[in-house]
Amino acid sequence: MAARFCGVLVLLTVFLSGLNASRPAVNQELSNIFNELWRLDVNRMTPGIDYTVSVQGRAGFVNQGSHVVQDHASQPLFSNVNESKLMNTTTFSRFIGLLDNYERTIGVAERVTTEELTETNLFLDAVLETEVMKRAHKYLVSKGQSSSNLRQFKSQLHLIWFHLYHRQRNMGLDSCGFEHVFVGETKSATEIIGFHNWIQFYLQEKSTHLDYKGYKARDHDLPDQDDHVLNLQFSWHGLVKPVGSAFIGTSPEFEMALFTIVFLMNTERSTVVLVNIDQCQMELVVIRHGRSLGTAYPKLLSSNNRHRRQHSH
């Protein structure tokens, strides 16, 4: 039933894309490889077992740069997370070790210590040992986008994710893809930019630097606690993100593999691909900053589960 419904959904999307040229058709090849990576992601956390989220109320409209926001979620988004699994899974624990290596204000130059360089190298080594990144590497080699040499592929990942660049002109090297996507940054003391990672969200929420304000969704779409992509509104260090999206429960290697493939398979400055992953249809947005990543995030369009429930009533 799931496969059949997905087929209908894909055909419907292709038909609608003919009517609406602004929405791309589902990229079936990328959907296939991403579902393979999804199945290989053994480190992914299981909703209701490894973590529990409480989506609560629908967030209201907030202007970018506004500090005034109504709270539609009195409780945290994450009511519990299996921290022993986080700390005992190598890619998760090494990922967490990188989160405090960055200055969140853009325009302030990053100073990378020898210890931080070592942490980055160890994280990439752990990611490269996972079946998820091994499969992504094999795919990119087959497409002529990456060298089969592991050391060269590691250098390529480093250039995409960790190469420092100027996000704010006339300032020092103040940003990189990893910091923007996974850690989050603040701009002109008025807005949050980037910040698309659930682990950082959980840790910042737990330390009370972050306050979840509610979910963002279309009028008839109610998110489930087991959705693996959520659109969220939150405040962080007193600033507000009107809407930010993130995978939930996924491993760092899965997210890096997905966005690395989209980055390398396209040359435009801004790329949006429409894919079906597991039971969700989403857009993956990737914006380049030269030969490195500017930003990358998922944007949930619909969950097949909810479609099926609606049709069965």
Protein backbone atom coordinates (compact mmCIF):
# COMPACT_ATOMS: atom_id res chain seq x y z
CA MET A 1 0.00 0.00 0.00
CA ALA A 2 2.83 2.40 0.95
CA ALA A 3 4.70 1.78 -2.30
CA ARG A 4 1.55 2.10 -4.36
CA PHE A 5 0.57 5.32 -2.66
CA CYS A 6 4.07 6.74 -3.17
CA GLY A 7 3.73 5.92 -6.87
CA VAL A 8 0.44 7.78 -7.08
CA LEU A 9 1.99 10.68 -5.17
CA VAL A 10 4.94 10.86 -7.56
CA LEU A 11 2.66 10.82 -10.63
CA LEU A 12 0.46 13.47 -9.09
CA THR A 13 3.48 15.61 -8.30
CA VAL A 14 4.81 15.26 -11.85
CA PHE A 15 1.38 16.20 -13.23
CA LEU A 16 1.08 19.20 -10.92
CA SER A 17 4.59 20.33 -11.76
CA GLY A 18 3.43 20.63 -15.36
CA LEU A 19 0.73 23.01 -14.17
CA ASN A 20 3.04 24.80 -11.78
CA ALA A 21 6.44 25.30 -13.38
CA SER A 22 7.90 26.78 -10.19
CA ARG A 23 7.76 23.40 -8.42
CA PRO A 24 10.24 20.82 -9.73
CA ALA A 25 9.18 17.23 -10.41
CA VAL A 26 10.28 14.58 -7.92
CA ASN A 27 13.91 13.66 -8.52
CA GLN A 28 13.52 9.89 -8.60
CA GLU A 29 17.22 9.04 -8.85
CA LEU A 30 18.08 11.10 -5.78
CA SER A 31 15.00 9.76 -3.97
CA ASN A 32 16.30 6.22 -4.61
CA ILE A 33 19.82 6.86 -3.30
CA PHE A 34 18.52 8.85 -0.32
CA ASN A 35 16.15 6.04 0.66
CA GLU A 36 19.09 3.66 0.45
CA LEU A 37 21.03 5.97 2.80
CA TRP A 38 17.95 6.16 5.06
CA ARG A 39 17.88 2.35 5.35
CA LEU A 40 21.64 2.30 6.07
CA ASP A 41 21.38 4.92 8.82
CA VAL A 42 21.69 2.50 11.75
CA ASN A 43 22.62 5.36 14.10
CA ARG A 44 19.30 7.13 13.54
CA MET A 45 17.30 7.62 16.75
CA THR A 46 13.87 5.99 16.96
CA PRO A 47 10.95 8.27 17.92
CA GLY A 48 9.14 7.19 21.07
CA ILE A 49 12.09 5.00 22.07
CA ASP A 50 15.29 7.04 21.82
CA TYR A 51 13.60 10.43 22.02
CA THR A 52 10.17 12.00 22.50
CA VAL A 53 9.02 15.28 21.01
CA SER A 54 5.97 17.36 21.89
CA VAL A 55 5.03 19.59 18.93
CA GLN A 56 2.23 21.42 20.86
CA GLY A 57 0.73 24.53 19.22
CA ARG A 58 0.97 26.11 15.77
CA ALA A 59 3.33 29.12 15.84
CA GLY A 60 2.15 32.52 14.69
CA PHE A 61 3.61 34.87 12.08
CA VAL A 62 6.76 36.74 13.10
CA ASN A 63 8.71 39.23 10.99
CA GLN A 64 12.38 38.44 10.39
CA GLY A 65 14.39 40.49 12.88
CA SER A 66 11.50 40.88 15.35
CA HIS A 67 12.18 39.99 18.99
CA VAL A 68 8.49 39.89 19.89
CA VAL A 69 6.96 36.43 19.59
CA GLN A 70 3.96 34.68 21.10
CA ASP A 71 4.74 31.34 22.71
CA HIS A 72 2.47 28.53 21.49
CA ALA A 73 4.46 25.80 23.26
CA SER A 74 4.70 25.95 27.04
CA GLN A 75 6.82 22.78 27.16
CA PRO A 76 10.16 22.02 25.44
CA LEU A 77 10.08 20.34 22.04
CA PHE A 78 12.19 17.44 23.35
CA SER A 79 10.70 15.88 26.47
CA ASN A 80 13.46 13.26 26.57
CA VAL A 81 16.46 12.07 24.56
CA ASN A 82 18.54 8.94 25.16
CA GLU A 83 21.75 10.73 26.11
CA SER A 84 23.73 7.54 26.67
CA LYS A 85 23.09 6.61 23.03
CA LEU A 86 24.11 10.13 21.96
CA MET A 87 27.35 9.93 23.91
CA ASN A 88 28.16 6.32 23.04
CA THR A 89 27.60 6.60 19.27
CA THR A 90 30.92 7.78 17.83
CA THR A 91 29.61 10.13 15.14
CA PHE A 92 27.10 11.71 17.55
CA SER A 93 29.64 12.21 20.37
CA ARG A 94 32.30 13.63 18.03
CA PHE A 95 29.68 15.85 16.38
CA ILE A 96 28.66 17.22 19.80
CA GLY A 97 32.35 17.92 20.52
CA LEU A 98 32.43 20.30 17.54
CA LEU A 99 29.40 22.39 18.52
CA ASP A 100 31.26 24.65 20.94
CA ASN A 101 34.13 25.40 18.55
CA TYR A 102 32.45 28.37 16.86
CA GLU A 103 31.74 32.04 17.51
CA ARG A 104 28.05 32.43 16.75
CA THR A 105 28.17 36.12 15.73
CA ILE A 106 28.98 36.61 12.06
CA GLY A 107 31.58 39.30 11.44
CA VAL A 108 33.69 37.90 14.30
CA ALA A 109 36.62 35.91 12.92
CA GLU A 110 36.88 32.25 13.87
CA ARG A 111 40.10 31.17 15.59
CA VAL A 112 40.75 27.49 14.99
CA THR A 113 43.00 25.81 17.54
CA THR A 114 45.09 22.69 16.93
CA GLU A 115 42.76 20.81 19.26
CA GLU A 116 39.73 21.89 17.20
CA LEU A 117 41.43 20.80 13.97
CA THR A 118 42.03 17.39 15.55
CA GLU A 119 38.36 17.18 16.62
CA THR A 120 37.23 17.98 13.06
CA ASN A 121 39.55 15.32 11.62
CA LEU A 122 38.35 12.68 14.08
CA PHE A 123 34.72 13.53 13.31
CA LEU A 124 35.28 13.18 9.55
CA ASP A 125 37.14 9.88 10.12
CA ALA A 126 34.14 8.54 12.09
CA VAL A 127 31.68 9.72 9.42
CA LEU A 128 33.74 8.07 6.65
CA GLU A 129 33.58 4.73 8.51
CA THR A 130 29.76 4.64 8.44
CA GLU A 131 27.86 2.63 5.83
CA VAL A 132 25.87 5.79 5.03
CA MET A 133 28.89 7.83 3.94
CA LYS A 134 30.55 4.81 2.26
CA ARG A 135 27.46 4.44 0.06
CA ALA A 136 27.29 8.18 -0.64
CA HIS A 137 30.99 8.12 -1.60
CA LYS A 138 30.44 5.16 -3.95
CA TYR A 139 27.52 7.01 -5.60
CA LEU A 140 29.55 10.20 -6.06
CA VAL A 141 32.46 8.23 -7.53
CA SER A 142 30.05 6.56 -10.00
CA LYS A 143 28.88 10.04 -11.02
CA GLY A 144 32.43 11.33 -11.52
CA GLN A 145 31.99 13.88 -8.73
CA SER A 146 34.44 12.43 -6.19
CA SER A 147 37.73 10.58 -6.21
CA SER A 148 37.70 6.93 -5.15
CA ASN A 149 40.72 7.81 -2.98
CA LEU A 150 39.46 8.09 0.59
CA ARG A 151 41.96 10.78 1.59
CA GLN A 152 40.92 12.94 -1.34
CA PHE A 153 37.23 12.41 -0.54
CA LYS A 154 37.90 13.45 3.07
CA SER A 155 39.61 16.62 1.79
CA GLN A 156 36.58 17.28 -0.42
CA LEU A 157 34.22 16.92 2.57
CA HIS A 158 36.47 19.25 4.57
CA LEU A 159 36.39 21.87 1.81
CA ILE A 160 32.58 21.69 1.53
CA TRP A 161 31.77 21.67 5.25
CA PHE A 162 34.70 23.12 7.23
CA HIS A 163 36.55 25.57 4.97
CA LEU A 164 36.33 29.01 6.60
CA TYR A 165 35.10 31.96 4.53
CA HIS A 166 33.72 35.52 4.88
CA ARG A 167 29.95 35.51 5.38
CA GLN A 168 30.08 39.21 6.23
CA ARG A 169 32.20 41.33 3.87
CA ASN A 170 35.31 43.18 5.05
CA MET A 171 35.48 40.99 8.15
CA GLY A 172 37.66 38.04 9.06
CA LEU A 173 36.98 34.42 8.11
CA ASP A 174 33.82 34.15 10.19
CA SER A 175 31.81 31.17 8.94
CA CYS A 176 31.73 27.72 7.36
CA GLY A 177 29.02 25.33 6.15
CA PHE A 178 29.16 23.14 9.26
CA GLU A 179 28.81 26.10 11.63
CA HIS A 180 25.94 27.66 9.69
CA VAL A 181 23.88 24.49 9.17
CA PHE A 182 24.53 22.54 12.35
CA VAL A 183 25.49 25.13 15.00
CA GLY A 184 23.63 28.28 13.96
CA GLU A 185 24.78 31.90 13.72
CA THR A 186 23.47 35.34 14.62
CA LYS A 187 23.55 38.38 12.35
CA SER A 188 23.63 42.07 13.38
CA ALA A 189 22.29 41.09 16.83
CA THR A 190 18.82 40.92 15.25
CA GLU A 191 18.36 37.52 13.58
CA ILE A 192 19.27 33.85 13.72
CA ILE A 193 20.66 32.40 10.49
CA GLY A 194 21.19 28.72 9.75
CA PHE A 195 20.64 26.42 12.77
CA HIS A 196 19.07 23.36 11.14
CA ASN A 197 20.11 20.54 13.46
CA TRP A 198 18.03 18.66 16.03
CA ILE A 199 20.95 17.71 18.33
CA GLN A 200 22.06 21.33 18.70
CA PHE A 201 18.38 22.27 19.20
CA TYR A 202 18.00 19.71 21.98
CA LEU A 203 21.26 20.69 23.73
CA GLN A 204 20.53 24.43 23.54
CA GLU A 205 16.96 23.83 24.75
CA LYS A 206 18.24 21.75 27.65
CA SER A 207 20.69 24.52 28.65
CA THR A 208 17.79 27.07 28.44
CA HIS A 209 19.50 29.17 25.72
CA LEU A 210 16.69 28.16 23.36
CA ASP A 211 12.91 28.32 23.73
CA TYR A 212 10.65 26.41 21.33
CA LYS A 213 7.61 28.53 20.31
CA GLY A 214 5.59 26.07 18.19
CA TYR A 215 5.50 24.31 14.82
CA LYS A 216 4.95 25.83 11.37
CA ALA A 217 2.82 23.92 8.87
CA ARG A 218 0.15 24.31 6.22
CA ASP A 219 -3.42 24.87 7.41
CA HIS A 220 -4.55 21.22 7.33
CA ASP A 221 -1.21 19.62 8.16
CA LEU A 222 -0.62 18.57 11.76
CA PRO A 223 2.86 17.25 12.49
CA ASP A 224 3.28 13.94 14.31
CA GLN A 225 5.74 13.21 17.09
CA ASP A 226 7.35 10.63 14.80
CA ASP A 227 7.93 12.98 11.83
CA HIS A 228 11.57 13.03 10.80
CA VAL A 229 11.40 16.60 9.48
CA LEU A 230 9.81 19.48 11.38
CA ASN A 231 9.39 23.20 10.62
CA LEU A 232 9.93 25.06 13.89
CA GLN A 233 9.78 28.53 15.42
CA PHE A 234 12.11 29.31 18.32
CA SER A 235 14.12 31.94 20.15
CA TRP A 236 17.85 31.56 20.83
CA HIS A 237 19.88 33.90 23.04
CA GLY A 238 17.00 36.38 22.86
CA LEU A 239 16.71 36.39 19.05
CA VAL A 240 13.86 34.77 17.09
CA LYS A 241 13.90 32.34 14.16
CA PRO A 242 10.42 32.81 12.55
CA VAL A 243 10.69 29.42 10.86
CA GLY A 244 13.55 26.95 10.76
CA SER A 245 13.48 23.37 9.55
CA ALA A 246 15.46 20.34 10.61
CA PHE A 247 15.63 16.59 10.34
CA ILE A 248 14.70 14.99 13.67
CA GLY A 249 16.47 11.89 15.01
CA THR A 250 18.76 11.45 12.00
CA SER A 251 22.51 10.95 12.32
CA PRO A 252 25.05 13.64 11.39
CA GLU A 253 26.46 11.34 8.68
CA PHE A 254 23.02 10.97 7.04
CA GLU A 255 22.47 14.73 6.86
CA MET A 256 26.01 15.38 5.62
CA ALA A 257 25.71 12.64 2.98
CA LEU A 258 22.41 14.00 1.64
CA PHE A 259 23.52 17.60 1.37
CA THR A 260 26.97 16.67 0.02
CA ILE A 261 25.33 14.74 -2.83
CA VAL A 262 22.97 17.62 -3.67
CA PHE A 263 25.90 20.07 -3.49
CA LEU A 264 28.15 18.05 -5.80
CA MET A 265 25.46 16.98 -8.28
CA ASN A 266 24.55 20.61 -9.04
CA THR A 267 26.50 23.69 -10.03
CA GLU A 268 23.94 26.46 -9.54
CA ARG A 269 24.45 28.85 -6.64
CA SER A 270 21.02 27.85 -5.29
CA THR A 271 19.56 24.37 -5.75
CA VAL A 272 16.18 22.94 -4.70
CA VAL A 273 15.46 19.25 -5.27
CA LEU A 274 12.12 17.56 -4.58
CA VAL A 275 12.51 14.08 -3.09
CA ASN A 276 10.52 11.36 -1.33
CA ILE A 277 12.39 9.93 1.66
CA ASP A 278 10.77 7.20 3.74
CA GLN A 279 7.21 8.50 4.24
CA CYS A 280 7.87 12.19 3.67
CA GLN A 281 7.98 14.40 0.62
CA MET A 282 10.38 17.29 1.03
CA GLU A 283 12.49 19.85 -0.73
CA LEU A 284 16.21 19.85 -0.02
CA VAL A 285 17.66 23.35 -0.36
CA VAL A 286 21.40 23.85 -0.89
CA ILE A 287 23.10 27.21 -1.43
CA ARG A 288 26.78 27.39 -2.36
CA HIS A 289 29.44 29.75 -1.10
CA GLY A 290 32.08 29.32 -3.79
CA ARG A 291 33.42 25.77 -3.48
CA SER A 292 31.96 25.43 0.01
CA LEU A 293 28.49 25.14 1.48
CA GLY A 294 26.60 28.33 2.32
CA THR A 295 23.50 26.66 3.75
CA ALA A 296 21.47 23.46 3.46
CA TYR A 297 18.16 22.41 4.96
CA PRO A 298 15.11 20.19 4.39
CA LYS A 299 11.65 21.68 3.89
CA LEU A 300 8.83 19.24 4.68
CA LEU A 301 5.98 19.38 2.16
CA SER A 302 3.86 16.45 3.29
CA SER A 303 3.89 13.13 5.06
CA ASN A 304 2.42 10.15 3.19
CA ASN A 305 1.15 8.75 6.47
CA ARG A 306 -1.10 11.74 6.95
CA HIS A 307 -2.31 11.57 3.34
CA ARG A 308 -3.24 7.92 3.81
CA ARG A 309 -5.14 8.66 7.03
CA GLN A 310 -7.02 11.50 5.35
CA HIS A 311 -8.02 9.24 2.46
CA SER A 312 -9.15 6.44 4.74
CA HIS A 313 -11.60 8.62 6.71
